[in-house]
Amino acid sequence: MKEAVTWYSVLHHKPLCLASNDNQRLNVKCAFPSKALEGKFRLLPELDLIPVQVFVDQMFKIKISRNSTRNTKEKALRKINGDDIEQFNLCHTYCQELIKAHPGSTFFVKSVEPNKPTDPCIFQRLYMCLKSLINGFHARCRKVIGLDGCHTKGLY
């Protein structure tokens, strides 16, 4: 029986995990791919887990647990949005590239050093001003300056 399940897994490119079994039963776990639900989460990222479980049951005739649904949703959203920590770590590189492309512009990135050396830096703030904006401001300087505050929501 193990050989039949293994051959099925290889022929149909389905990731199956053989769990512990006894002489009469074989326990096989299917690793449900997040690719199958990626389009649904792209359109509705705030979708609850129960409608996803119902959708999977209707479309694929598979019952998946709440934990599997949550893990699948997290993997799909991570693939769609990218990893927040990796994106914030690219801020310094992004600013360096903008300085090369726009000489005379100013860019500052402030981040907090982590407690452990293995942890990534924690993004705090980003300031950027292109040289053309600086020139335009000096050319047409007015007495009133309006400041706009932008507050991010999410991991940081």
Protein backbone atom coordinates (compact mmCIF):
# COMPACT_ATOMS: atom_id res chain seq x y z
CA MET A 1 0.00 0.00 0.00
CA LYS A 2 2.86 2.41 0.81
CA GLU A 3 4.35 1.86 -2.65
CA ALA A 4 1.03 2.63 -4.36
CA VAL A 5 0.65 5.90 -2.45
CA THR A 6 4.26 6.85 -3.18
CA TRP A 7 3.83 6.16 -6.91
CA TYR A 8 0.61 8.18 -6.96
CA SER A 9 2.42 11.06 -5.30
CA VAL A 10 5.27 10.96 -7.84
CA LEU A 11 3.06 10.55 -10.94
CA HIS A 12 0.57 13.30 -10.04
CA HIS A 13 3.08 15.69 -8.44
CA LYS A 14 1.08 15.75 -5.21
CA PRO A 15 3.02 16.29 -1.96
CA LEU A 16 1.88 13.49 0.34
CA CYS A 17 3.28 12.68 3.77
CA LEU A 18 3.17 9.12 5.06
CA ALA A 19 2.49 9.25 8.77
CA SER A 20 2.92 6.43 11.27
CA ASN A 21 0.72 3.41 10.64
CA ASP A 22 0.04 -0.11 11.87
CA ASN A 23 -0.41 -3.38 9.97
CA GLN A 24 -4.01 -2.66 8.91
CA ARG A 25 -4.07 1.10 8.30
CA LEU A 26 -2.05 3.63 6.38
CA ASN A 27 -2.23 7.29 7.43
CA VAL A 28 -1.48 9.71 4.58
CA LYS A 29 -1.53 13.50 4.94
CA CYS A 30 -1.87 15.77 1.95
CA ALA A 31 0.04 19.05 2.05
CA PHE A 32 -2.59 21.38 0.53
CA PRO A 33 -0.81 23.95 -1.67
CA SER A 34 -1.41 27.65 -1.07
CA LYS A 35 -1.25 28.24 -4.85
CA ALA A 36 -4.78 26.86 -5.19
CA LEU A 37 -6.20 29.70 -3.08
CA GLU A 38 -3.78 32.48 -4.01
CA GLY A 39 -6.19 34.12 -6.48
CA LYS A 40 -9.03 34.13 -3.94
CA PHE A 41 -6.82 35.76 -1.27
CA ARG A 42 -5.51 38.27 -3.80
CA LEU A 43 -9.07 39.52 -4.37
CA LEU A 44 -10.26 39.16 -0.76
CA PRO A 45 -7.29 39.29 1.65
CA GLU A 46 -9.57 39.73 4.70
CA LEU A 47 -11.56 36.57 3.93
CA ASP A 48 -12.45 34.51 7.02
CA LEU A 49 -11.31 30.91 7.40
CA ILE A 50 -14.74 29.23 7.41
CA PRO A 51 -15.74 30.39 3.89
CA VAL A 52 -12.34 29.18 2.68
CA GLN A 53 -12.95 25.75 4.21
CA VAL A 54 -16.37 25.60 2.51
CA PHE A 55 -14.83 26.66 -0.82
CA VAL A 56 -12.12 23.99 -0.60
CA ASP A 57 -14.72 21.36 0.31
CA GLN A 58 -16.91 22.29 -2.66
CA MET A 59 -14.15 22.72 -5.26
CA PHE A 60 -11.67 19.99 -4.31
CA LYS A 61 -13.86 17.65 -2.21
CA ILE A 62 -11.27 17.90 0.57
CA LYS A 63 -11.91 18.65 4.23
CA ILE A 64 -9.08 20.73 5.68
CA SER A 65 -8.69 21.73 9.30
CA ARG A 66 -8.83 25.28 10.62
CA ASN A 67 -5.07 25.24 11.29
CA SER A 68 -4.33 24.07 7.74
CA THR A 69 -6.60 26.79 6.40
CA ARG A 70 -4.84 29.44 8.50
CA ASN A 71 -1.39 28.20 7.42
CA THR A 72 -2.48 28.13 3.77
CA LYS A 73 -3.84 31.68 4.04
CA GLU A 74 -0.64 32.94 5.67
CA LYS A 75 1.52 31.33 2.96
CA ALA A 76 -0.65 32.75 0.17
CA LEU A 77 -0.68 36.26 1.66
CA ARG A 78 3.09 36.12 2.26
CA LYS A 79 3.57 35.18 -1.39
CA ILE A 80 1.21 37.95 -2.57
CA ASN A 81 2.46 40.76 -0.30
CA GLY A 82 6.01 39.61 0.28
CA ASP A 83 7.63 39.30 3.64
CA ASP A 84 7.40 42.59 5.59
CA ILE A 85 10.78 42.18 7.26
CA GLU A 86 12.55 41.55 3.94
CA GLN A 87 10.85 44.59 2.40
CA PHE A 88 11.85 46.90 5.26
CA ASN A 89 15.44 45.62 5.11
CA LEU A 90 15.55 46.78 1.46
CA CYS A 91 14.84 50.44 2.39
CA HIS A 92 18.54 51.35 2.65
CA THR A 93 19.30 49.79 -0.73
CA TYR A 94 16.29 51.53 -2.27
CA CYS A 95 17.46 54.92 -0.98
CA GLN A 96 20.99 54.34 -2.32
CA GLU A 97 19.57 53.58 -5.77
CA LEU A 98 17.41 56.71 -5.66
CA ILE A 99 20.46 58.84 -4.73
CA LYS A 100 22.29 57.42 -7.78
CA ALA A 101 19.32 58.18 -10.04
CA HIS A 102 18.59 61.63 -8.53
CA PRO A 103 21.81 63.33 -7.39
CA GLY A 104 21.29 66.09 -4.85
CA SER A 105 18.20 64.47 -3.38
CA THR A 106 18.03 63.66 0.33
CA PHE A 107 16.98 60.34 1.81
CA PHE A 108 17.13 59.22 5.43
CA VAL A 109 16.10 55.88 6.87
CA LYS A 110 15.87 55.44 10.62
CA SER A 111 15.73 51.98 12.12
CA VAL A 112 16.18 50.56 15.60
CA GLU A 113 19.02 48.17 16.20
CA PRO A 114 17.79 44.76 17.40
CA ASN A 115 18.52 43.32 20.83
CA LYS A 116 20.06 40.19 19.33
CA PRO A 117 22.56 40.40 16.46
CA THR A 118 20.65 37.69 14.56
CA ASP A 119 17.38 39.69 14.53
CA PRO A 120 16.70 42.14 11.70
CA CYS A 121 16.61 45.91 12.20
CA ILE A 122 13.21 47.40 12.99
CA PHE A 123 12.08 50.10 10.56
CA GLN A 124 11.04 53.39 12.20
CA ARG A 125 10.82 56.13 9.59
CA LEU A 126 11.80 57.20 6.10
CA TYR A 127 12.38 60.74 4.80
CA MET A 128 12.85 61.48 1.13
CA CYS A 129 12.97 64.66 -0.89
CA LEU A 130 13.88 64.73 -4.57
CA LYS A 131 16.22 67.43 -5.87
CA SER A 132 13.60 68.75 -8.29
CA LEU A 133 11.20 69.32 -5.37
CA ILE A 134 13.91 71.17 -3.45
CA ASN A 135 14.61 73.38 -6.48
CA GLY A 136 10.89 74.05 -6.99
CA PHE A 137 10.45 74.95 -3.33
CA HIS A 138 13.36 77.41 -3.41
CA ALA A 139 12.17 78.95 -6.70
CA ARG A 140 8.63 79.55 -5.47
CA CYS A 141 9.05 79.74 -1.72
CA ARG A 142 5.85 80.72 0.07
CA LYS A 143 5.30 81.85 3.63
CA VAL A 144 2.93 78.99 4.50
CA ILE A 145 4.19 75.44 4.63
CA GLY A 146 1.77 72.53 4.86
CA LEU A 147 2.99 69.28 6.36
CA ASP A 148 1.32 65.95 5.78
CA GLY A 149 1.66 63.04 8.18
CA CYS A 150 1.41 59.51 6.88
CA HIS A 151 0.90 56.68 9.33
CA THR A 152 1.46 53.09 8.30
CA LYS A 153 -0.57 50.16 9.56
CA GLY A 154 0.72 46.65 9.78
CA LEU A 155 3.64 44.85 11.32
CA TYR A 156 5.49 48.06 12.24
